[in-house]
Amino acid sequence: MRAAGHLADNVAHFARALRRAGMRVGPADTLVAIEAIRAGGIGSREDFFWTLHAVFVSRREDAPVFAEAFRLFWRSRELVERMLALFSSQTPAKSPPPEPKAGARRVSDALEHGGGRRPDERPTLEIDARLTVSADEVFRRKDFAQMSASELREARAAVARMAMPDDRVAARRFRARDRGPRFDARRTLRLSLRTGGDLMLPRFREARTVHPPLVVIADISGSMSQYSRLMLHFMHAMSARRRVRAFLFGTRLTPVTRQLARRDPDEAVAACGALVQDWAGGTRIGAALEEFNRRWSRRVLSGGPVVLLVTDGLERDDMERLSREADRLHRSCRRLIWLNPLLRYDGFSPRARGVRALLPHVDEFRSAHSLDTLSELCAALSGERSSRTTDPRAWLRAGEAA
């Protein structure tokens, strides 16, 4: 009976950890899991894993979270081996732990019981910071490439909490209204048929407003890999409100829209990284834009989308092709915004040939190296007036003067 009590307590603790990690696990599931283990027994660690998996996992996106939680929870306490020793006369051999998967960060945070200070956390000092810059402000201005692993985790969480742009445009279709300036003759006649034409009440309509589609073409070369990874999290957060089409390019163009559609952001980014073969390699901007215009433009550029081009513009191939394909892309979309992390430098000047070839064909020239710049991008997409610092013509004049 004592062993059964320990088993129930450990399964209950594990269920609470899954619930804190975001899974839909209730008290009834915990009781079912305990009864399933008692009925089926424990033959091996794998049997124990799949028994709990069958009870607790009801959604596809919960599978990687459950796998990581099982690895961290039961390995750290060696409870599986102890229960195997209680239920069986032979102790199974220890197998090497699997590689960390998507959802590891959420599970690690969920396994921290209690609200006290963590062992690796340093005590904080209370000081008078009225005349200083807050730590949050410094963090929001910090370059993604200079962030540590823990700061990158905080940045990804901040991107997920970021207020997304509310930019709506009039669609071609209409929706019914009780009152309004536009008379709906078709709906009025259709409703009058219910009374044989004896009663004809006027009906009205108005144009529907929708979010324009968003197409993101991001550079994943060696100098852009860190920024593009954060942009993937930004695109995942944007996809909750609008239709987002995502493409990654280095030496070749790779569509990652389906991989980015997964609900868990860590799993989505991991799937994108597994699909792309040329991550952190070379870059061919002109060839990537040419392939996009030839194969994908008619599929994804319908509905007047906004296109975000994320690259540093350091092209070594044919500049004439780069200028031609950028001009074609500019003419096919509602708005073309170039996000260049090189703008984080105060002394940046558009002297590179690739930068000068792209600037005449973009509507805005912005940076995307920190949380503040992403917030400014959301404000610009919402319709706020852009400053002179984002005008590509001003940058062209500055480059010619230099």
Protein backbone atom coordinates (compact mmCIF):
# COMPACT_ATOMS: atom_id res chain seq x y z
CA MET A 1 0.00 0.00 0.00
CA ARG A 2 2.90 2.37 0.71
CA ALA A 3 4.28 1.86 -2.78
CA ALA A 4 0.86 2.53 -4.26
CA GLY A 5 0.64 5.75 -2.22
CA HIS A 6 4.01 6.95 -3.53
CA LEU A 7 2.91 6.10 -7.05
CA ALA A 8 -0.29 8.15 -6.75
CA ASP A 9 1.58 11.13 -5.25
CA ASN A 10 4.22 11.13 -7.98
CA VAL A 11 1.67 10.85 -10.79
CA ALA A 12 -0.35 13.69 -9.21
CA HIS A 13 2.78 15.90 -9.04
CA PHE A 14 3.53 15.07 -12.66
CA ALA A 15 -0.03 15.95 -13.71
CA ARG A 16 0.24 19.34 -11.98
CA ALA A 17 3.51 20.00 -13.82
CA LEU A 18 1.82 19.22 -17.14
CA ARG A 19 -1.03 21.57 -16.26
CA ARG A 20 1.42 24.40 -15.50
CA ALA A 21 3.14 23.71 -18.82
CA GLY A 22 -0.12 24.47 -20.64
CA MET A 23 -1.64 21.03 -21.16
CA ARG A 24 -5.30 20.28 -20.48
CA VAL A 25 -4.93 17.87 -17.56
CA GLY A 26 -7.53 17.63 -14.81
CA PRO A 27 -8.02 15.63 -11.61
CA ALA A 28 -10.04 13.00 -13.47
CA ASP A 29 -7.12 12.38 -15.83
CA THR A 30 -4.83 11.85 -12.85
CA LEU A 31 -7.14 9.18 -11.38
CA VAL A 32 -7.42 7.46 -14.77
CA ALA A 33 -3.62 7.43 -15.12
CA ILE A 34 -3.16 5.84 -11.70
CA GLU A 35 -5.76 3.16 -12.45
CA ALA A 36 -4.17 2.48 -15.87
CA ILE A 37 -0.75 1.96 -14.29
CA ARG A 38 -2.16 -0.35 -11.62
CA ALA A 39 -4.13 -2.35 -14.19
CA GLY A 40 -1.44 -2.66 -16.84
CA GLY A 41 1.60 -2.79 -14.60
CA ILE A 42 5.01 -1.38 -15.42
CA GLY A 43 7.23 -3.55 -17.59
CA SER A 44 9.73 -0.93 -18.74
CA ARG A 45 10.30 2.79 -18.84
CA GLU A 46 8.87 2.89 -22.36
CA ASP A 47 5.67 1.12 -21.25
CA PHE A 48 5.30 3.61 -18.42
CA PHE A 49 5.81 6.52 -20.85
CA TRP A 50 3.16 5.37 -23.31
CA THR A 51 0.68 4.54 -20.57
CA LEU A 52 0.80 8.11 -19.29
CA HIS A 53 0.93 9.42 -22.85
CA ALA A 54 -2.35 7.66 -23.73
CA VAL A 55 -4.09 9.31 -20.78
CA PHE A 56 -2.66 12.83 -20.67
CA VAL A 57 -2.05 13.69 -24.34
CA SER A 58 -5.27 14.56 -26.18
CA ARG A 59 -3.93 17.14 -28.66
CA ARG A 60 -1.19 16.81 -31.23
CA GLU A 61 0.66 19.93 -30.09
CA ASP A 62 0.91 18.53 -26.52
CA ALA A 63 3.05 15.55 -27.58
CA PRO A 64 6.47 17.32 -27.54
CA VAL A 65 5.60 19.10 -24.27
CA PHE A 66 4.67 15.80 -22.62
CA ALA A 67 7.85 14.09 -23.88
CA GLU A 68 10.07 16.83 -22.48
CA ALA A 69 8.16 16.92 -19.18
CA PHE A 70 8.46 13.15 -18.79
CA ARG A 71 12.21 13.28 -19.46
CA LEU A 72 12.88 16.07 -16.96
CA PHE A 73 10.44 15.04 -14.22
CA TRP A 74 11.13 11.34 -13.96
CA ARG A 75 14.83 11.39 -14.79
CA SER A 76 15.67 13.97 -12.14
CA ARG A 77 13.97 11.95 -9.42
CA GLU A 78 14.71 8.43 -10.73
CA LEU A 79 11.15 7.52 -9.79
CA VAL A 80 10.60 5.20 -12.73
CA GLU A 81 13.49 3.00 -11.72
CA ARG A 82 12.26 2.86 -8.13
CA MET A 83 8.74 1.91 -9.14
CA LEU A 84 10.08 -0.69 -11.55
CA ALA A 85 11.97 -2.19 -8.66
CA LEU A 86 8.76 -2.29 -6.62
CA PHE A 87 6.63 -3.87 -9.36
CA SER A 88 9.25 -6.17 -10.89
CA SER A 89 12.04 -8.42 -9.67
CA GLN A 90 14.45 -7.11 -12.33
CA THR A 91 15.71 -3.59 -12.64
CA PRO A 92 15.77 -2.37 -16.26
CA ALA A 93 18.91 -0.95 -17.78
CA LYS A 94 19.16 2.82 -18.00
CA SER A 95 18.75 4.20 -21.50
CA PRO A 96 20.39 7.44 -22.66
CA PRO A 97 18.09 10.46 -22.44
CA PRO A 98 16.61 11.73 -25.71
CA GLU A 99 17.66 15.05 -27.22
CA PRO A 100 15.80 18.14 -26.03
CA LYS A 101 12.73 18.85 -28.16
CA ALA A 102 10.32 21.71 -28.63
CA GLY A 103 8.63 22.87 -25.43
CA ALA A 104 11.68 22.38 -23.20
CA ARG A 105 11.59 25.98 -21.96
CA ARG A 106 7.93 25.85 -20.95
CA VAL A 107 8.37 22.53 -19.17
CA SER A 108 11.47 23.69 -17.28
CA ASP A 109 9.57 26.70 -15.98
CA ALA A 110 6.58 24.54 -15.04
CA LEU A 111 8.72 22.11 -13.02
CA GLU A 112 9.93 24.86 -10.71
CA HIS A 113 7.64 24.26 -7.73
CA GLY A 114 6.85 27.08 -5.38
CA GLY A 115 7.25 30.80 -5.75
CA GLY A 116 10.59 31.28 -3.99
CA ARG A 117 13.89 32.32 -5.49
CA ARG A 118 15.65 29.80 -7.71
CA PRO A 119 19.06 28.48 -6.60
CA ASP A 120 20.90 30.07 -9.52
CA GLU A 121 19.18 33.43 -9.07
CA ARG A 122 21.19 36.19 -7.44
CA PRO A 123 19.64 38.42 -4.76
CA THR A 124 18.54 41.84 -5.98
CA LEU A 125 19.31 45.19 -4.37
CA GLU A 126 16.74 47.94 -4.09
CA ILE A 127 18.20 51.25 -5.25
CA ASP A 128 16.82 54.63 -6.17
CA ALA A 129 16.62 54.50 -9.97
CA ARG A 130 14.59 57.64 -10.62
CA LEU A 131 17.41 59.23 -12.63
CA THR A 132 18.60 56.05 -14.34
CA VAL A 133 17.41 53.93 -17.26
CA SER A 134 15.23 50.96 -16.30
CA ALA A 135 16.47 47.44 -16.92
CA ASP A 136 13.42 46.71 -19.05
CA GLU A 137 14.19 49.69 -21.30
CA VAL A 138 17.79 48.54 -21.73
CA PHE A 139 16.60 45.02 -22.49
CA ARG A 140 14.16 46.23 -25.12
CA ARG A 141 16.91 48.19 -26.85
CA LYS A 142 19.46 45.40 -26.70
CA ASP A 143 20.63 43.80 -29.93
CA PHE A 144 19.41 40.23 -30.49
CA ALA A 145 22.93 39.15 -31.50
CA GLN A 146 24.31 40.31 -28.11
CA MET A 147 21.72 38.55 -25.95
CA SER A 148 22.51 35.53 -23.83
CA ALA A 149 20.47 32.33 -23.94
CA SER A 150 18.25 33.39 -21.03
CA GLU A 151 17.73 36.84 -22.55
CA LEU A 152 16.75 35.27 -25.87
CA ARG A 153 14.13 33.20 -24.03
CA GLU A 154 12.76 36.38 -22.47
CA ALA A 155 12.79 38.08 -25.88
CA ARG A 156 10.78 35.24 -27.44
CA ALA A 157 8.25 35.48 -24.62
CA ALA A 158 8.05 39.27 -25.11
CA VAL A 159 7.42 38.80 -28.82
CA ALA A 160 4.56 36.41 -28.04
CA ARG A 161 3.01 39.05 -25.71
CA MET A 162 3.54 41.92 -28.13
CA ALA A 163 0.49 43.86 -29.32
CA MET A 164 0.02 42.94 -32.95
CA PRO A 165 -0.87 45.62 -35.54
CA ASP A 166 -4.52 46.36 -36.21
CA ASP A 167 -4.37 47.40 -39.86
CA ARG A 168 -7.61 46.74 -41.69
CA VAL A 169 -8.44 47.40 -45.32
CA ALA A 170 -11.74 47.32 -47.18
CA ALA A 171 -12.47 43.98 -48.83
CA ARG A 172 -14.45 43.39 -52.02
CA ARG A 173 -17.22 41.54 -50.23
CA PHE A 174 -19.92 43.17 -48.12
CA ARG A 175 -21.73 42.32 -44.91
CA ALA A 176 -25.34 42.97 -43.93
CA ARG A 177 -26.27 46.00 -41.84
CA ASP A 178 -29.58 47.18 -40.39
CA ARG A 179 -28.76 50.79 -41.20
CA GLY A 180 -26.22 52.42 -43.42
CA PRO A 181 -25.58 54.58 -46.46
CA ARG A 182 -25.44 51.68 -48.96
CA PHE A 183 -28.77 50.14 -50.00
CA ASP A 184 -28.79 46.35 -50.55
CA ALA A 185 -31.35 45.77 -53.30
CA ARG A 186 -30.66 42.06 -53.70
CA ARG A 187 -31.17 41.27 -50.01
CA THR A 188 -34.27 43.48 -49.87
CA LEU A 189 -35.94 41.63 -52.75
CA ARG A 190 -34.95 38.22 -51.42
CA LEU A 191 -36.50 38.90 -48.02
CA SER A 192 -39.66 40.33 -49.58
CA LEU A 193 -40.35 36.95 -51.22
CA ARG A 194 -41.15 35.51 -47.82
CA THR A 195 -44.32 37.62 -47.71
CA GLY A 196 -45.12 37.31 -51.43
CA GLY A 197 -43.97 40.87 -52.11
CA ASP A 198 -46.57 42.46 -49.82
CA LEU A 199 -43.96 43.70 -47.34
CA MET A 200 -40.70 45.17 -48.58
CA LEU A 201 -38.38 46.42 -45.86
CA PRO A 202 -35.16 48.13 -46.98
CA ARG A 203 -31.91 46.37 -46.18
CA PHE A 204 -28.42 47.82 -46.17
CA ARG A 205 -24.84 46.65 -46.41
CA GLU A 206 -21.31 47.86 -45.83
CA ALA A 207 -17.86 46.84 -46.99
CA ARG A 208 -16.06 44.25 -44.88
CA THR A 209 -12.68 45.13 -43.40
CA VAL A 210 -9.98 42.51 -43.14
CA HIS A 211 -6.32 42.32 -42.24
CA PRO A 212 -4.21 42.32 -45.41
CA PRO A 213 -2.11 39.19 -45.86
CA LEU A 214 1.49 39.27 -44.72
CA VAL A 215 4.34 37.73 -46.71
CA VAL A 216 7.74 37.47 -45.03
CA ILE A 217 10.92 36.68 -46.98
CA ALA A 218 13.73 36.28 -44.43
CA ASP A 219 17.46 35.84 -44.94
CA ILE A 220 19.01 32.98 -42.90
CA SER A 221 22.65 33.43 -43.89
CA GLY A 222 25.42 33.43 -41.31
CA SER A 223 25.09 37.14 -40.50
CA MET A 224 21.29 36.97 -40.28
CA SER A 225 20.54 33.65 -38.57
CA GLN A 226 20.01 35.06 -35.06
CA TYR A 227 17.68 37.81 -36.28
CA SER A 228 15.73 35.47 -38.56
CA ARG A 229 15.13 33.06 -35.67
CA LEU A 230 13.48 35.84 -33.66
CA MET A 231 11.56 36.90 -36.76
CA LEU A 232 10.12 33.37 -36.94
CA HIS A 233 8.69 33.85 -33.46
CA PHE A 234 7.33 37.23 -34.55
CA MET A 235 5.72 35.66 -37.62
CA HIS A 236 4.20 32.91 -35.46
CA ALA A 237 2.60 35.53 -33.22
CA MET A 238 1.32 37.43 -36.27
CA SER A 239 -0.25 34.31 -37.77
CA ALA A 240 -2.81 34.22 -34.94
CA ARG A 241 -4.56 37.27 -36.43
CA ARG A 242 -3.97 37.15 -40.17
CA ARG A 243 -2.83 34.99 -43.01
CA VAL A 244 0.97 34.82 -42.99
CA ARG A 245 3.10 33.27 -45.74
CA ALA A 246 6.73 32.72 -44.73
CA PHE A 247 9.81 32.02 -46.83
CA LEU A 248 13.44 31.55 -45.79
CA PHE A 249 16.40 31.88 -48.12
CA GLY A 250 20.13 31.51 -48.04
CA THR A 251 21.48 29.97 -51.20
CA ARG A 252 17.95 28.69 -52.03
CA LEU A 253 14.36 29.65 -51.27
CA THR A 254 12.39 27.45 -48.83
CA PRO A 255 8.67 27.94 -47.98
CA VAL A 256 7.98 27.32 -44.28
CA THR A 257 4.33 28.38 -44.03
CA ARG A 258 3.06 24.90 -43.08
CA GLN A 259 5.75 24.39 -40.45
CA LEU A 260 5.00 27.81 -38.95
CA ALA A 261 1.29 26.96 -38.64
CA ARG A 262 1.87 24.70 -35.63
CA ARG A 263 0.41 26.01 -32.41
CA ASP A 264 3.48 25.65 -30.22
CA PRO A 265 6.03 28.37 -31.18
CA ASP A 266 9.05 26.30 -30.13
CA GLU A 267 7.86 23.33 -32.16
CA ALA A 268 7.14 25.57 -35.17
CA VAL A 269 10.60 27.16 -35.16
CA ALA A 270 12.25 23.77 -34.67
CA ALA A 271 10.32 22.40 -37.66
CA CYS A 272 11.45 25.33 -39.80
CA GLY A 273 15.07 24.78 -38.81
CA ALA A 274 14.83 21.07 -39.60
CA LEU A 275 13.39 21.77 -43.05
CA VAL A 276 15.94 24.37 -44.17
CA GLN A 277 19.19 22.86 -45.43
CA ASP A 278 21.27 26.05 -45.82
CA TRP A 279 20.83 27.72 -42.43
CA ALA A 280 23.72 30.03 -41.45
CA GLY A 281 25.38 29.56 -44.84
CA GLY A 282 25.82 31.85 -47.82
CA THR A 283 23.24 34.15 -49.37
CA ARG A 284 21.93 34.87 -52.88
CA ILE A 285 19.29 37.56 -52.58
CA GLY A 286 18.72 38.12 -56.31
CA ALA A 287 18.31 34.42 -57.06
CA ALA A 288 15.90 33.99 -54.13
CA LEU A 289 13.73 36.92 -55.24
CA GLU A 290 13.75 35.63 -58.81
CA GLU A 291 12.55 32.19 -57.70
CA PHE A 292 9.87 33.78 -55.51
CA ASN A 293 8.58 35.96 -58.35
CA ARG A 294 8.59 33.07 -60.79
CA ARG A 295 7.10 30.29 -58.64
CA TRP A 296 5.24 31.85 -55.72
CA SER A 297 4.16 35.42 -56.49
CA ARG A 298 0.85 34.50 -58.16
CA ARG A 299 0.00 32.11 -55.33
CA VAL A 300 0.70 34.29 -52.30
CA LEU A 301 0.53 37.91 -53.52
CA SER A 302 -3.25 37.97 -53.99
CA GLY A 303 -5.36 40.26 -51.86
CA GLY A 304 -2.86 43.12 -51.69
CA PRO A 305 -0.40 41.74 -49.12
CA VAL A 306 2.29 43.57 -47.17
CA VAL A 307 5.74 42.08 -47.85
CA LEU A 308 8.54 42.13 -45.25
CA LEU A 309 12.00 41.57 -46.71
CA VAL A 310 14.43 40.69 -43.90
CA THR A 311 18.03 40.83 -45.11
CA ASP A 312 21.21 42.86 -44.73
CA GLY A 313 21.46 43.46 -48.48
CA LEU A 314 25.03 42.15 -48.78
CA GLU A 315 24.71 40.62 -52.25
CA ARG A 316 27.65 39.39 -54.34
CA ASP A 317 25.82 38.15 -57.45
CA ASP A 318 24.39 40.12 -60.38
CA MET A 319 23.16 43.52 -59.13
CA GLU A 320 21.07 44.10 -62.23
CA ARG A 321 19.05 40.97 -61.52
CA LEU A 322 18.65 41.99 -57.89
CA SER A 323 17.29 45.41 -58.90
CA ARG A 324 14.99 43.91 -61.54
CA GLU A 325 13.48 41.29 -59.24
CA ALA A 326 13.05 43.76 -56.38
CA ASP A 327 11.21 46.11 -58.72
CA ARG A 328 8.92 43.29 -59.83
CA LEU A 329 8.18 42.35 -56.23
CA HIS A 330 7.47 45.99 -55.37
CA ARG A 331 4.93 46.29 -58.17
CA SER A 332 3.12 43.10 -57.09
CA CYS A 333 2.35 43.96 -53.47
CA ARG A 334 0.56 46.66 -51.50
CA ARG A 335 3.63 47.65 -49.49
CA LEU A 336 7.25 46.47 -49.41
CA ILE A 337 9.12 47.01 -46.15
CA TRP A 338 12.81 46.23 -45.91
CA LEU A 339 14.07 45.20 -42.45
CA ASN A 340 17.85 45.53 -42.22
CA PRO A 341 19.62 44.81 -38.89
CA LEU A 342 22.65 46.81 -40.09
CA LEU A 343 20.73 49.97 -39.24
CA ARG A 344 21.58 49.33 -35.60
CA TYR A 345 24.92 51.03 -36.29
CA ASP A 346 24.84 54.82 -35.99
CA GLY A 347 27.39 55.26 -38.78
CA PHE A 348 25.58 53.06 -41.29
CA SER A 349 25.72 54.33 -44.87
CA PRO A 350 24.23 52.61 -47.95
CA ARG A 351 27.53 52.13 -49.74
CA ALA A 352 27.20 48.42 -50.54
CA ARG A 353 26.04 47.74 -54.07
CA GLY A 354 23.31 45.37 -52.94
CA VAL A 355 21.86 47.99 -50.58
CA ARG A 356 21.86 50.65 -53.32
CA ALA A 357 20.19 48.19 -55.72
CA LEU A 358 17.32 47.44 -53.29
CA LEU A 359 16.61 50.89 -51.84
CA PRO A 360 14.84 52.41 -54.91
CA HIS A 361 12.24 49.61 -54.87
CA VAL A 362 11.09 49.59 -51.22
CA ASP A 363 8.51 51.74 -49.44
CA GLU A 364 10.17 51.77 -46.02
CA PHE A 365 13.67 51.04 -44.75
CA ARG A 366 13.66 49.88 -41.13
CA SER A 367 15.76 48.03 -38.62
CA ALA A 368 14.78 44.76 -36.90
CA HIS A 369 17.46 44.09 -34.29
CA SER A 370 15.64 44.62 -30.96
CA LEU A 371 12.25 44.46 -29.30
CA ASP A 372 11.77 48.21 -29.69
CA THR A 373 12.28 48.02 -33.45
CA LEU A 374 9.70 45.22 -33.69
CA SER A 375 7.25 47.36 -31.71
CA GLU A 376 7.90 50.25 -34.09
CA LEU A 377 7.22 47.89 -37.00
CA CYS A 378 3.85 46.93 -35.49
CA ALA A 379 3.01 50.61 -35.09
CA ALA A 380 3.98 51.28 -38.72
CA LEU A 381 1.82 48.38 -39.93
CA SER A 382 -1.10 49.80 -37.91
CA GLY A 383 -0.98 52.95 -40.02
CA GLU A 384 1.12 55.38 -38.00
CA ARG A 385 3.00 57.91 -40.09
CA SER A 386 6.59 56.91 -40.76
CA SER A 387 9.47 59.21 -39.89
CA ARG A 388 12.08 60.52 -42.27
CA THR A 389 14.56 57.96 -40.97
CA THR A 390 12.57 55.19 -42.70
CA ASP A 391 12.36 56.95 -46.07
CA PRO A 392 14.51 55.00 -48.60
CA ARG A 393 14.97 58.13 -50.74
CA ALA A 394 16.61 59.93 -47.84
CA TRP A 395 19.01 57.02 -47.42
CA LEU A 396 19.79 57.10 -51.13
CA ARG A 397 20.63 60.80 -50.97
CA ALA A 398 22.82 60.20 -47.93
CA GLY A 399 24.64 57.43 -49.78
CA GLU A 400 25.24 59.59 -52.83
CA ALA A 401 26.57 62.40 -50.64
CA ALA A 402 28.91 59.99 -48.88
